[in-house]
Amino acid sequence: METQVGPPPCDRAAPLNQTFTALPDYSPTMFFRSLFYERTILSHLERVERLPTEVQAEIAMRVGNLIEMARPVGDALLERFAEIVRQEQLLAVKEGAKSDTDPLWAAPAISEAWCNAQLGLAKGNLDRHSAVAIIAAVESFAKKKASDRRHSRT
């Protein structure tokens, strides 16, 4: 990365002679592709959050299990996790899933989104803001809904 002296071009309020690191040059295509992917995933999560509480908890438990297994692995193994959950989605469709809120399809789809966001962040092929937003939303969903399920059983 290149170090420059002076305010960033888009931040007129920064003091003169401030040293900052220039951000990588992202293309508008990548930005819009990332934003579209982010909005698609977050919209899907919103629809899943309108399902009955027990259904949400089941999906969250499955997503949380994948996150727990996949978090400490490297990119190559994370790509394998993503491939496995894509195969689960295909199997869900073969078994009759007809909606993106069907738990058989939703859990692996949300898991795949988490894997893709992690990989996109690591490889730089997904806008950082979009990747972080997806990761945070999926992890928050998995943690909160699984926690709700544990509390409802006690």
C-alpha atoms as a PDB file:
ATOM      1  CA  MET A   1       0.000   0.000   0.000  1.00  0.00           C
ATOM      2  CA  GLU A   2       1.120   3.486  -0.747  1.00  0.00           C
ATOM      3  CA  THR A   3       1.703   6.055   2.014  1.00  0.00           C
ATOM      4  CA  GLN A   4       0.682   9.612   1.217  1.00  0.00           C
ATOM      5  CA  VAL A   5       0.911  12.903   3.070  1.00  0.00           C
ATOM      6  CA  GLY A   6      -2.113  15.161   3.249  1.00  0.00           C
ATOM      7  CA  PRO A   7      -5.813  14.541   3.592  1.00  0.00           C
ATOM      8  CA  PRO A   8      -7.462  11.732   1.711  1.00  0.00           C
ATOM      9  CA  PRO A   9      -9.096  13.068  -1.460  1.00  0.00           C
ATOM     10  CA  CYS A  10     -12.624  12.523  -0.160  1.00  0.00           C
ATOM     11  CA  ASP A  11     -12.047  13.771   3.407  1.00  0.00           C
ATOM     12  CA  ARG A  12     -11.719  17.533   3.372  1.00  0.00           C
ATOM     13  CA  ALA A  13     -11.978  17.719   7.195  1.00  0.00           C
ATOM     14  CA  ALA A  14      -8.725  15.803   7.819  1.00  0.00           C
ATOM     15  CA  PRO A  15      -5.800  17.948   8.963  1.00  0.00           C
ATOM     16  CA  LEU A  16      -3.145  18.811   6.394  1.00  0.00           C
ATOM     17  CA  ASN A  17       0.064  16.783   6.464  1.00  0.00           C
ATOM     18  CA  GLN A  18      -1.727  13.847   8.064  1.00  0.00           C
ATOM     19  CA  THR A  19      -0.117  10.560   7.066  1.00  0.00           C
ATOM     20  CA  PHE A  20      -2.518   7.841   5.987  1.00  0.00           C
ATOM     21  CA  THR A  21      -2.424   4.622   4.069  1.00  0.00           C
ATOM     22  CA  ALA A  22      -4.236   4.679   0.755  1.00  0.00           C
ATOM     23  CA  LEU A  23      -6.945   2.056   0.347  1.00  0.00           C
ATOM     24  CA  PRO A  24      -6.674  -0.479  -2.451  1.00  0.00           C
ATOM     25  CA  ASP A  25      -8.383   0.641  -5.634  1.00  0.00           C
ATOM     26  CA  TYR A  26     -11.673  -1.266  -5.886  1.00  0.00           C
ATOM     27  CA  SER A  27     -13.573  -1.263  -9.107  1.00  0.00           C
ATOM     28  CA  PRO A  28     -17.165  -0.046  -9.143  1.00  0.00           C
ATOM     29  CA  THR A  29     -18.144  -3.474 -10.510  1.00  0.00           C
ATOM     30  CA  MET A  30     -16.734  -5.240  -7.452  1.00  0.00           C
ATOM     31  CA  PHE A  31     -18.400  -2.757  -5.134  1.00  0.00           C
ATOM     32  CA  PHE A  32     -21.831  -3.174  -6.714  1.00  0.00           C
ATOM     33  CA  ARG A  33     -21.481  -6.967  -6.995  1.00  0.00           C
ATOM     34  CA  SER A  34     -20.527  -7.099  -3.308  1.00  0.00           C
ATOM     35  CA  LEU A  35     -23.347  -4.788  -2.307  1.00  0.00           C
ATOM     36  CA  PHE A  36     -25.875  -6.845  -4.270  1.00  0.00           C
ATOM     37  CA  TYR A  37     -24.612 -10.065  -2.654  1.00  0.00           C
ATOM     38  CA  GLU A  38     -24.737  -8.466   0.807  1.00  0.00           C
ATOM     39  CA  ARG A  39     -28.303  -7.218   0.299  1.00  0.00           C
ATOM     40  CA  THR A  40     -29.383 -10.632  -1.002  1.00  0.00           C
ATOM     41  CA  ILE A  41     -27.967 -12.437   2.036  1.00  0.00           C
ATOM     42  CA  LEU A  42     -29.324  -9.926   4.550  1.00  0.00           C
ATOM     43  CA  SER A  43     -32.752 -10.036   2.893  1.00  0.00           C
ATOM     44  CA  HIS A  44     -32.740 -13.832   3.108  1.00  0.00           C
ATOM     45  CA  LEU A  45     -31.835 -13.641   6.810  1.00  0.00           C
ATOM     46  CA  GLU A  46     -34.730 -11.235   7.387  1.00  0.00           C
ATOM     47  CA  ARG A  47     -37.167 -13.705   5.793  1.00  0.00           C
ATOM     48  CA  VAL A  48     -35.766 -16.552   7.902  1.00  0.00           C
ATOM     49  CA  GLU A  49     -36.195 -14.412  11.034  1.00  0.00           C
ATOM     50  CA  ARG A  50     -39.941 -14.231  10.305  1.00  0.00           C
ATOM     51  CA  LEU A  51     -40.242 -18.024  10.609  1.00  0.00           C
ATOM     52  CA  PRO A  52     -41.557 -19.629  13.804  1.00  0.00           C
ATOM     53  CA  THR A  53     -39.085 -19.454  16.694  1.00  0.00           C
ATOM     54  CA  GLU A  54     -38.376 -23.193  16.775  1.00  0.00           C
ATOM     55  CA  VAL A  55     -37.651 -23.261  13.042  1.00  0.00           C
ATOM     56  CA  GLN A  56     -35.287 -20.303  13.391  1.00  0.00           C
ATOM     57  CA  ALA A  57     -33.543 -22.020  16.288  1.00  0.00           C
ATOM     58  CA  GLU A  58     -33.054 -25.214  14.277  1.00  0.00           C
ATOM     59  CA  ILE A  59     -31.548 -23.283  11.362  1.00  0.00           C
ATOM     60  CA  ALA A  60     -29.366 -21.254  13.737  1.00  0.00           C
ATOM     61  CA  MET A  61     -28.093 -24.392  15.442  1.00  0.00           C
ATOM     62  CA  ARG A  62     -27.044 -25.921  12.128  1.00  0.00           C
ATOM     63  CA  VAL A  63     -25.402 -22.692  10.964  1.00  0.00           C
ATOM     64  CA  GLY A  64     -23.673 -22.269  14.326  1.00  0.00           C
ATOM     65  CA  ASN A  65     -22.309 -25.820  14.176  1.00  0.00           C
ATOM     66  CA  LEU A  66     -20.763 -25.143  10.775  1.00  0.00           C
ATOM     67  CA  ILE A  67     -19.266 -21.849  11.946  1.00  0.00           C
ATOM     68  CA  GLU A  68     -17.766 -23.557  14.980  1.00  0.00           C
ATOM     69  CA  MET A  69     -16.139 -26.226  12.801  1.00  0.00           C
ATOM     70  CA  ALA A  70     -15.086 -23.913   9.973  1.00  0.00           C
ATOM     71  CA  ARG A  71     -13.829 -20.844  11.850  1.00  0.00           C
ATOM     72  CA  PRO A  72     -10.342 -22.174  12.670  1.00  0.00           C
ATOM     73  CA  VAL A  73      -9.584 -23.705   9.255  1.00  0.00           C
ATOM     74  CA  GLY A  74      -7.589 -22.322   6.344  1.00  0.00           C
ATOM     75  CA  ASP A  75      -8.964 -21.120   3.024  1.00  0.00           C
ATOM     76  CA  ALA A  76      -8.623 -24.471   1.232  1.00  0.00           C
ATOM     77  CA  LEU A  77     -10.669 -26.306   3.840  1.00  0.00           C
ATOM     78  CA  LEU A  78     -13.151 -23.419   4.062  1.00  0.00           C
ATOM     79  CA  GLU A  79     -13.692 -23.787   0.301  1.00  0.00           C
ATOM     80  CA  ARG A  80     -14.463 -27.457   0.941  1.00  0.00           C
ATOM     81  CA  PHE A  81     -17.017 -26.507   3.636  1.00  0.00           C
ATOM     82  CA  ALA A  82     -18.655 -24.135   1.132  1.00  0.00           C
ATOM     83  CA  GLU A  83     -18.821 -26.937  -1.437  1.00  0.00           C
ATOM     84  CA  ILE A  84     -20.398 -29.307   1.084  1.00  0.00           C
ATOM     85  CA  VAL A  85     -23.155 -26.857   2.026  1.00  0.00           C
ATOM     86  CA  ARG A  86     -23.835 -26.164  -1.679  1.00  0.00           C
ATOM     87  CA  GLN A  87     -24.336 -29.916  -2.091  1.00  0.00           C
ATOM     88  CA  GLU A  88     -26.697 -29.882   0.913  1.00  0.00           C
ATOM     89  CA  GLN A  89     -28.771 -27.207  -0.833  1.00  0.00           C
ATOM     90  CA  LEU A  90     -29.040 -29.350  -3.959  1.00  0.00           C
ATOM     91  CA  LEU A  91     -30.072 -32.318  -1.836  1.00  0.00           C
ATOM     92  CA  ALA A  92     -32.701 -30.179  -0.074  1.00  0.00           C
ATOM     93  CA  VAL A  93     -34.231 -29.264  -3.432  1.00  0.00           C
ATOM     94  CA  LYS A  94     -34.253 -32.922  -4.472  1.00  0.00           C
ATOM     95  CA  GLU A  95     -35.983 -33.733  -1.179  1.00  0.00           C
ATOM     96  CA  GLY A  96     -38.715 -31.194  -1.873  1.00  0.00           C
ATOM     97  CA  ALA A  97     -37.564 -27.817  -0.532  1.00  0.00           C
ATOM     98  CA  LYS A  98     -39.555 -25.258  -2.511  1.00  0.00           C
ATOM     99  CA  SER A  99     -38.660 -22.037  -0.709  1.00  0.00           C
ATOM    100  CA  ASP A 100     -35.520 -20.281   0.458  1.00  0.00           C
ATOM    101  CA  THR A 101     -37.018 -20.321   3.957  1.00  0.00           C
ATOM    102  CA  ASP A 102     -37.369 -24.097   4.023  1.00  0.00           C
ATOM    103  CA  PRO A 103     -35.030 -25.154   6.859  1.00  0.00           C
ATOM    104  CA  LEU A 104     -33.518 -27.926   4.730  1.00  0.00           C
ATOM    105  CA  TRP A 105     -32.329 -25.285   2.255  1.00  0.00           C
ATOM    106  CA  ALA A 106     -31.956 -22.194   4.471  1.00  0.00           C
ATOM    107  CA  ALA A 107     -29.392 -23.578   6.908  1.00  0.00           C
ATOM    108  CA  PRO A 108     -26.854 -24.601   4.263  1.00  0.00           C
ATOM    109  CA  ALA A 109     -27.536 -21.427   2.242  1.00  0.00           C
ATOM    110  CA  ILE A 110     -26.804 -19.200   5.226  1.00  0.00           C
ATOM    111  CA  SER A 111     -23.757 -21.330   6.037  1.00  0.00           C
ATOM    112  CA  GLU A 112     -22.533 -20.941   2.468  1.00  0.00           C
ATOM    113  CA  ALA A 113     -22.957 -17.173   2.685  1.00  0.00           C
ATOM    114  CA  TRP A 114     -20.772 -17.136   5.816  1.00  0.00           C
ATOM    115  CA  CYS A 115     -18.111 -19.252   4.074  1.00  0.00           C
ATOM    116  CA  ASN A 116     -18.216 -17.079   0.951  1.00  0.00           C
ATOM    117  CA  ALA A 117     -17.901 -13.896   3.009  1.00  0.00           C
ATOM    118  CA  GLN A 118     -14.934 -15.298   4.937  1.00  0.00           C
ATOM    119  CA  LEU A 119     -13.251 -16.372   1.699  1.00  0.00           C
ATOM    120  CA  GLY A 120     -14.107 -13.083  -0.019  1.00  0.00           C
ATOM    121  CA  LEU A 121     -12.577 -11.150   2.850  1.00  0.00           C
ATOM    122  CA  ALA A 122      -9.431 -13.298   2.870  1.00  0.00           C
ATOM    123  CA  LYS A 123      -8.940 -13.235  -0.898  1.00  0.00           C
ATOM    124  CA  GLY A 124     -10.072  -9.663  -1.504  1.00  0.00           C
ATOM    125  CA  ASN A 125     -12.731 -10.599  -4.054  1.00  0.00           C
ATOM    126  CA  LEU A 126     -15.589  -9.245  -1.914  1.00  0.00           C
ATOM    127  CA  ASP A 127     -15.770  -5.680  -0.655  1.00  0.00           C
ATOM    128  CA  ARG A 128     -14.553  -5.624   2.958  1.00  0.00           C
ATOM    129  CA  HIS A 129     -17.639  -3.808   4.264  1.00  0.00           C
ATOM    130  CA  SER A 130     -20.006  -6.281   2.613  1.00  0.00           C
ATOM    131  CA  ALA A 131     -18.022  -9.299   3.804  1.00  0.00           C
ATOM    132  CA  VAL A 132     -17.914  -8.053   7.389  1.00  0.00           C
ATOM    133  CA  ALA A 133     -21.632  -7.190   7.328  1.00  0.00           C
ATOM    134  CA  ILE A 134     -22.538 -10.698   6.136  1.00  0.00           C
ATOM    135  CA  ILE A 135     -20.243 -12.412   8.642  1.00  0.00           C
ATOM    136  CA  ALA A 136     -21.572 -10.322  11.534  1.00  0.00           C
ATOM    137  CA  ALA A 137     -25.229 -10.837  10.563  1.00  0.00           C
ATOM    138  CA  VAL A 138     -24.884 -14.595  10.150  1.00  0.00           C
ATOM    139  CA  GLU A 139     -22.907 -15.019  13.376  1.00  0.00           C
ATOM    140  CA  SER A 140     -25.355 -12.826  15.277  1.00  0.00           C
ATOM    141  CA  PHE A 141     -28.314 -14.827  13.934  1.00  0.00           C
ATOM    142  CA  ALA A 142     -26.693 -18.153  14.783  1.00  0.00           C
ATOM    143  CA  LYS A 143     -25.667 -17.093  18.267  1.00  0.00           C
ATOM    144  CA  LYS A 144     -28.904 -15.339  19.269  1.00  0.00           C
ATOM    145  CA  LYS A 145     -31.351 -17.880  17.893  1.00  0.00           C
ATOM    146  CA  ALA A 146     -29.405 -20.867  19.254  1.00  0.00           C
ATOM    147  CA  SER A 147     -29.247 -19.113  22.625  1.00  0.00           C
ATOM    148  CA  ASP A 148     -33.006 -18.488  22.502  1.00  0.00           C
ATOM    149  CA  ARG A 149     -33.522 -22.200  21.877  1.00  0.00           C
ATOM    150  CA  ARG A 150     -31.412 -23.195  24.893  1.00  0.00           C
ATOM    151  CA  HIS A 151     -33.323 -20.753  27.128  1.00  0.00           C
ATOM    152  CA  SER A 152     -36.711 -21.987  25.936  1.00  0.00           C
ATOM    153  CA  ARG A 153     -35.790 -25.548  26.940  1.00  0.00           C
ATOM    154  CA  THR A 154     -34.903 -24.635  30.529  1.00  0.00           C
END
